Amino acid sequence: MLIAAISRFMITIAFFTLVFFYRGEEQFGLGMILMLIPFITLYAANFFIKKDEKLVKSADRIR
């Protein structure tokens, strides 16, 4: 989860850096939109990891 959080932070920094440098252009291009895909998948990965950890903890309580 820590690795995913660091990756999301780095993607966010890269996105805002690109927006800052290319803010004068009218068109951001496909690359800017494609940077959102890893961010969304990392967010989903963290969600499912937390869900799985909750399931494992509940199974440990049953024992």
PDB file of N, CA and C in Angstrom:
ATOM      1  N   MET A   1       0.818  -1.182   0.000  1.00  0.00           N
ATOM      2  CA  MET A   1       0.000   0.000   0.000  1.00  0.00           C
ATOM      3  C   MET A   1       0.866   1.252   0.000  1.00  0.00           C
ATOM      4  N   LEU A   2       1.997   1.170   0.662  1.00  0.00           N
ATOM      5  CA  LEU A   2       2.907   2.305   0.695  1.00  0.00           C
ATOM      6  C   LEU A   2       3.477   2.588  -0.692  1.00  0.00           C
ATOM      7  N   ILE A   3       3.822   1.538  -1.409  1.00  0.00           N
ATOM      8  CA  ILE A   3       4.365   1.701  -2.756  1.00  0.00           C
ATOM      9  C   ILE A   3       3.319   2.334  -3.671  1.00  0.00           C
ATOM     10  N   ALA A   4       2.077   1.910  -3.550  1.00  0.00           N
ATOM     11  CA  ALA A   4       1.013   2.488  -4.376  1.00  0.00           C
ATOM     12  C   ALA A   4       0.789   3.951  -4.020  1.00  0.00           C
ATOM     13  N   ALA A   5       0.869   4.286  -2.745  1.00  0.00           N
ATOM     14  CA  ALA A   5       0.689   5.679  -2.329  1.00  0.00           C
ATOM     15  C   ALA A   5       1.821   6.559  -2.859  1.00  0.00           C
ATOM     16  N   ILE A   6       3.042   6.050  -2.794  1.00  0.00           N
ATOM     17  CA  ILE A   6       4.181   6.809  -3.323  1.00  0.00           C
ATOM     18  C   ILE A   6       4.052   6.973  -4.839  1.00  0.00           C
ATOM     19  N   SER A   7       3.615   5.924  -5.512  1.00  0.00           N
ATOM     20  CA  SER A   7       3.437   5.994  -6.964  1.00  0.00           C
ATOM     21  C   SER A   7       2.364   7.007  -7.345  1.00  0.00           C
ATOM     22  N   ARG A   8       1.260   7.014  -6.612  1.00  0.00           N
ATOM     23  CA  ARG A   8       0.214   8.001  -6.883  1.00  0.00           C
ATOM     24  C   ARG A   8       0.725   9.417  -6.675  1.00  0.00           C
ATOM     25  N   PHE A   9       1.528   9.614  -5.639  1.00  0.00           N
ATOM     26  CA  PHE A   9       2.098  10.924  -5.370  1.00  0.00           C
ATOM     27  C   PHE A   9       3.021  11.359  -6.501  1.00  0.00           C
ATOM     28  N   MET A  10       3.852  10.437  -6.988  1.00  0.00           N
ATOM     29  CA  MET A  10       4.776  10.764  -8.081  1.00  0.00           C
ATOM     30  C   MET A  10       4.025  11.054  -9.377  1.00  0.00           C
ATOM     31  N   ILE A  11       2.957  10.309  -9.656  1.00  0.00           N
ATOM     32  CA  ILE A  11       2.143  10.566 -10.846  1.00  0.00           C
ATOM     33  C   ILE A  11       1.492  11.935 -10.750  1.00  0.00           C
ATOM     34  N   THR A  12       1.021  12.288  -9.554  1.00  0.00           N
ATOM     35  CA  THR A  12       0.402  13.594  -9.348  1.00  0.00           C
ATOM     36  C   THR A  12       1.403  14.712  -9.587  1.00  0.00           C
ATOM     37  N   ILE A  13       2.603  14.550  -9.068  1.00  0.00           N
ATOM     38  CA  ILE A  13       3.646  15.563  -9.283  1.00  0.00           C
ATOM     39  C   ILE A  13       3.973  15.686 -10.772  1.00  0.00           C
ATOM     40  N   ALA A  14       4.105  14.558 -11.455  1.00  0.00           N
ATOM     41  CA  ALA A  14       4.412  14.592 -12.888  1.00  0.00           C
ATOM     42  C   ALA A  14       3.289  15.251 -13.670  1.00  0.00           C
ATOM     43  N   PHE A  15       2.052  14.956 -13.306  1.00  0.00           N
ATOM     44  CA  PHE A  15       0.910  15.550 -14.011  1.00  0.00           C
ATOM     45  C   PHE A  15       0.893  17.062 -13.842  1.00  0.00           C
ATOM     46  N   PHE A  16       1.034  17.543 -12.598  1.00  0.00           N
ATOM     47  CA  PHE A  16       1.000  18.977 -12.377  1.00  0.00           C
ATOM     48  C   PHE A  16       2.219  19.685 -12.967  1.00  0.00           C
ATOM     49  N   THR A  17       3.353  19.004 -13.023  1.00  0.00           N
ATOM     50  CA  THR A  17       4.536  19.580 -13.667  1.00  0.00           C
ATOM     51  C   THR A  17       4.297  19.759 -15.166  1.00  0.00           C
ATOM     52  N   LEU A  18       3.727  18.745 -15.797  1.00  0.00           N
ATOM     53  CA  LEU A  18       3.430  18.855 -17.222  1.00  0.00           C
ATOM     54  C   LEU A  18       2.384  19.927 -17.497  1.00  0.00           C
ATOM     55  N   VAL A  19       1.379  20.006 -16.648  1.00  0.00           N
ATOM     56  CA  VAL A  19       0.356  21.042 -16.823  1.00  0.00           C
ATOM     57  C   VAL A  19       0.983  22.419 -16.655  1.00  0.00           C
ATOM     58  N   PHE A  20       1.885  22.564 -15.709  1.00  0.00           N
ATOM     59  CA  PHE A  20       2.537  23.847 -15.480  1.00  0.00           C
ATOM     60  C   PHE A  20       3.369  24.276 -16.684  1.00  0.00           C
ATOM     61  N   PHE A  21       4.126  23.338 -17.259  1.00  0.00           N
ATOM     62  CA  PHE A  21       4.994  23.684 -18.380  1.00  0.00           C
ATOM     63  C   PHE A  21       4.238  23.869 -19.691  1.00  0.00           C
ATOM     64  N   TYR A  22       3.133  23.166 -19.870  1.00  0.00           N
ATOM     65  CA  TYR A  22       2.394  23.241 -21.124  1.00  0.00           C
ATOM     66  C   TYR A  22       1.047  23.944 -20.967  1.00  0.00           C
ATOM     67  N   ARG A  23       0.920  24.811 -19.991  1.00  0.00           N
ATOM     68  CA  ARG A  23      -0.362  25.476 -19.762  1.00  0.00           C
ATOM     69  C   ARG A  23      -0.716  26.475 -20.851  1.00  0.00           C
ATOM     70  N   GLY A  24       0.234  26.956 -21.605  1.00  0.00           N
ATOM     71  CA  GLY A  24      -0.031  27.908 -22.669  1.00  0.00           C
ATOM     72  C   GLY A  24      -0.615  27.265 -23.917  1.00  0.00           C
ATOM     73  N   GLU A  25      -0.450  25.965 -24.060  1.00  0.00           N
ATOM     74  CA  GLU A  25      -0.948  25.286 -25.248  1.00  0.00           C
ATOM     75  C   GLU A  25      -2.430  24.993 -25.094  1.00  0.00           C
ATOM     76  N   GLU A  26      -3.098  24.994 -26.211  1.00  0.00           N
ATOM     77  CA  GLU A  26      -4.539  24.731 -26.207  1.00  0.00           C
ATOM     78  C   GLU A  26      -4.837  23.251 -25.966  1.00  0.00           C
ATOM     79  N   GLN A  27      -3.989  22.395 -26.493  1.00  0.00           N
ATOM     80  CA  GLN A  27      -4.272  20.973 -26.471  1.00  0.00           C
ATOM     81  C   GLN A  27      -3.240  20.251 -25.596  1.00  0.00           C
ATOM     82  N   PHE A  28      -3.715  19.523 -24.614  1.00  0.00           N
ATOM     83  CA  PHE A  28      -2.808  18.797 -23.729  1.00  0.00           C
ATOM     84  C   PHE A  28      -2.344  17.485 -24.350  1.00  0.00           C
ATOM     85  N   GLY A  29      -3.133  16.906 -25.185  1.00  0.00           N
ATOM     86  CA  GLY A  29      -2.744  15.686 -25.864  1.00  0.00           C
ATOM     87  C   GLY A  29      -3.202  14.439 -25.138  1.00  0.00           C
ATOM     88  N   LEU A  30      -2.994  13.349 -25.807  1.00  0.00           N
ATOM     89  CA  LEU A  30      -3.425  12.061 -25.287  1.00  0.00           C
ATOM     90  C   LEU A  30      -2.599  11.638 -24.073  1.00  0.00           C
ATOM     91  N   GLY A  31      -1.350  12.023 -24.033  1.00  0.00           N
ATOM     92  CA  GLY A  31      -0.484  11.648 -22.927  1.00  0.00           C
ATOM     93  C   GLY A  31      -0.952  12.170 -21.588  1.00  0.00           C
ATOM     94  N   MET A  32      -1.532  13.339 -21.580  1.00  0.00           N
ATOM     95  CA  MET A  32      -2.047  13.905 -20.332  1.00  0.00           C
ATOM     96  C   MET A  32      -3.246  13.099 -19.822  1.00  0.00           C
ATOM     97  N   ILE A  33      -4.085  12.688 -20.742  1.00  0.00           N
ATOM     98  CA  ILE A  33      -5.256  11.904 -20.350  1.00  0.00           C
ATOM     99  C   ILE A  33      -4.831  10.511 -19.902  1.00  0.00           C
ATOM    100  N   LEU A  34      -3.842   9.954 -20.572  1.00  0.00           N
ATOM    101  CA  LEU A  34      -3.379   8.612 -20.224  1.00  0.00           C
ATOM    102  C   LEU A  34      -2.680   8.561 -18.864  1.00  0.00           C
ATOM    103  N   MET A  35      -2.253   9.695 -18.350  1.00  0.00           N
ATOM    104  CA  MET A  35      -1.636   9.702 -17.018  1.00  0.00           C
ATOM    105  C   MET A  35      -2.660   9.439 -15.929  1.00  0.00           C
ATOM    106  N   LEU A  36      -3.927   9.597 -16.240  1.00  0.00           N
ATOM    107  CA  LEU A  36      -4.963   9.344 -15.252  1.00  0.00           C
ATOM    108  C   LEU A  36      -5.228   7.850 -15.055  1.00  0.00           C
ATOM    109  N   ILE A  37      -4.947   7.045 -16.061  1.00  0.00           N
ATOM    110  CA  ILE A  37      -5.224   5.609 -15.966  1.00  0.00           C
ATOM    111  C   ILE A  37      -4.413   4.943 -14.856  1.00  0.00           C
ATOM    112  N   PRO A  38      -3.087   5.147 -14.762  1.00  0.00           N
ATOM    113  CA  PRO A  38      -2.356   4.520 -13.650  1.00  0.00           C
ATOM    114  C   PRO A  38      -2.801   5.048 -12.289  1.00  0.00           C
ATOM    115  N   PHE A  39      -3.165   6.316 -12.222  1.00  0.00           N
ATOM    116  CA  PHE A  39      -3.623   6.889 -10.954  1.00  0.00           C
ATOM    117  C   PHE A  39      -4.895   6.189 -10.499  1.00  0.00           C
ATOM    118  N   ILE A  40      -5.817   5.985 -11.402  1.00  0.00           N
ATOM    119  CA  ILE A  40      -7.084   5.327 -11.062  1.00  0.00           C
ATOM    120  C   ILE A  40      -6.859   3.871 -10.702  1.00  0.00           C
ATOM    121  N   THR A  41      -5.988   3.175 -11.442  1.00  0.00           N
ATOM    122  CA  THR A  41      -5.737   1.767 -11.128  1.00  0.00           C
ATOM    123  C   THR A  41      -5.011   1.609  -9.789  1.00  0.00           C
ATOM    124  N   LEU A  42      -4.114   2.524  -9.453  1.00  0.00           N
ATOM    125  CA  LEU A  42      -3.456   2.455  -8.143  1.00  0.00           C
ATOM    126  C   LEU A  42      -4.447   2.723  -7.014  1.00  0.00           C
ATOM    127  N   TYR A  43      -5.382   3.637  -7.240  1.00  0.00           N
ATOM    128  CA  TYR A  43      -6.418   3.904  -6.247  1.00  0.00           C
ATOM    129  C   TYR A  43      -7.297   2.667  -6.046  1.00  0.00           C
ATOM    130  N   ALA A  44      -7.660   2.017  -7.151  1.00  0.00           N
ATOM    131  CA  ALA A  44      -8.455   0.797  -7.065  1.00  0.00           C
ATOM    132  C   ALA A  44      -7.669  -0.321  -6.375  1.00  0.00           C
ATOM    133  N   ALA A  45      -6.375  -0.417  -6.652  1.00  0.00           N
ATOM    134  CA  ALA A  45      -5.545  -1.435  -6.006  1.00  0.00           C
ATOM    135  C   ALA A  45      -5.517  -1.233  -4.498  1.00  0.00           C
ATOM    136  N   ASN A  46      -5.358   0.004  -4.044  1.00  0.00           N
ATOM    137  CA  ASN A  46      -5.376   0.268  -2.607  1.00  0.00           C
ATOM    138  C   ASN A  46      -6.720  -0.095  -1.994  1.00  0.00           C
ATOM    139  N   PHE A  47      -7.796   0.205  -2.695  1.00  0.00           N
ATOM    140  CA  PHE A  47      -9.136  -0.124  -2.201  1.00  0.00           C
ATOM    141  C   PHE A  47      -9.281  -1.628  -2.007  1.00  0.00           C
ATOM    142  N   PHE A  48      -8.873  -2.422  -2.999  1.00  0.00           N
ATOM    143  CA  PHE A  48      -9.024  -3.858  -2.908  1.00  0.00           C
ATOM    144  C   PHE A  48      -8.036  -4.490  -1.929  1.00  0.00           C
ATOM    145  N   ILE A  49      -6.860  -3.898  -1.766  1.00  0.00           N
ATOM    146  CA  ILE A  49      -5.916  -4.391  -0.764  1.00  0.00           C
ATOM    147  C   ILE A  49      -6.487  -4.194   0.633  1.00  0.00           C
ATOM    148  N   LYS A  50      -7.070  -3.023   0.892  1.00  0.00           N
ATOM    149  CA  LYS A  50      -7.690  -2.774   2.189  1.00  0.00           C
ATOM    150  C   LYS A  50      -8.857  -3.723   2.430  1.00  0.00           C
ATOM    151  N   LYS A  51      -9.635  -3.966   1.391  1.00  0.00           N
ATOM    152  CA  LYS A  51     -10.775  -4.874   1.501  1.00  0.00           C
ATOM    153  C   LYS A  51     -10.295  -6.292   1.818  1.00  0.00           C
ATOM    154  N   ASP A  52      -9.213  -6.732   1.172  1.00  0.00           N
ATOM    155  CA  ASP A  52      -8.658  -8.057   1.411  1.00  0.00           C
ATOM    156  C   ASP A  52      -8.084  -8.166   2.822  1.00  0.00           C
ATOM    157  N   GLU A  53      -7.389  -7.121   3.284  1.00  0.00           N
ATOM    158  CA  GLU A  53      -6.843  -7.146   4.643  1.00  0.00           C
ATOM    159  C   GLU A  53      -7.957  -7.219   5.687  1.00  0.00           C
ATOM    160  N   LYS A  54      -9.047  -6.538   5.425  1.00  0.00           N
ATOM    161  CA  LYS A  54     -10.189  -6.592   6.340  1.00  0.00           C
ATOM    162  C   LYS A  54     -10.771  -8.005   6.389  1.00  0.00           C
ATOM    163  N   LEU A  55     -10.837  -8.678   5.243  1.00  0.00           N
ATOM    164  CA  LEU A  55     -11.331 -10.046   5.187  1.00  0.00           C
ATOM    165  C   LEU A  55     -10.411 -10.995   5.939  1.00  0.00           C
ATOM    166  N   VAL A  56      -9.094 -10.829   5.785  1.00  0.00           N
ATOM    167  CA  VAL A  56      -8.129 -11.683   6.484  1.00  0.00           C
ATOM    168  C   VAL A  56      -8.226 -11.473   7.981  1.00  0.00           C
ATOM    169  N   LYS A  57      -8.367 -10.219   8.427  1.00  0.00           N
ATOM    170  CA  LYS A  57      -8.497  -9.946   9.859  1.00  0.00           C
ATOM    171  C   LYS A  57      -9.775 -10.550  10.429  1.00  0.00           C
ATOM    172  N   SER A  58     -10.851 -10.508   9.661  1.00  0.00           N
ATOM    173  CA  SER A  58     -12.099 -11.090  10.163  1.00  0.00           C
ATOM    174  C   SER A  58     -11.986 -12.616  10.225  1.00  0.00           C
ATOM    175  N   ALA A  59     -11.241 -13.230   9.314  1.00  0.00           N
ATOM    176  CA  ALA A  59     -11.041 -14.678   9.345  1.00  0.00           C
ATOM    177  C   ALA A  59     -10.151 -15.060  10.528  1.00  0.00           C
ATOM    178  N   ASP A  60      -9.193 -14.204  10.900  1.00  0.00           N
ATOM    179  CA  ASP A  60      -8.336 -14.486  12.044  1.00  0.00           C
ATOM    180  C   ASP A  60      -9.137 -14.415  13.348  1.00  0.00           C
ATOM    181  N   ARG A  61     -10.140 -13.562  13.400  1.00  0.00           N
ATOM    182  CA  ARG A  61     -10.968 -13.472  14.606  1.00  0.00           C
ATOM    183  C   ARG A  61     -11.814 -14.716  14.802  1.00  0.00           C
ATOM    184  N   ILE A  62     -12.177 -15.379  13.716  1.00  0.00           N
ATOM    185  CA  ILE A  62     -13.010 -16.564  13.815  1.00  0.00           C
ATOM    186  C   ILE A  62     -12.242 -17.711  14.444  1.00  0.00           C
ATOM    187  N   ARG A  63     -10.963 -17.796  14.213  1.00  0.00           N
ATOM    188  CA  ARG A  63     -10.146 -18.889  14.761  1.00  0.00           C
ATOM    189  C   ARG A  63     -10.120 -18.823  16.205  1.00  0.00           C
TER     190      ARG A  63
END
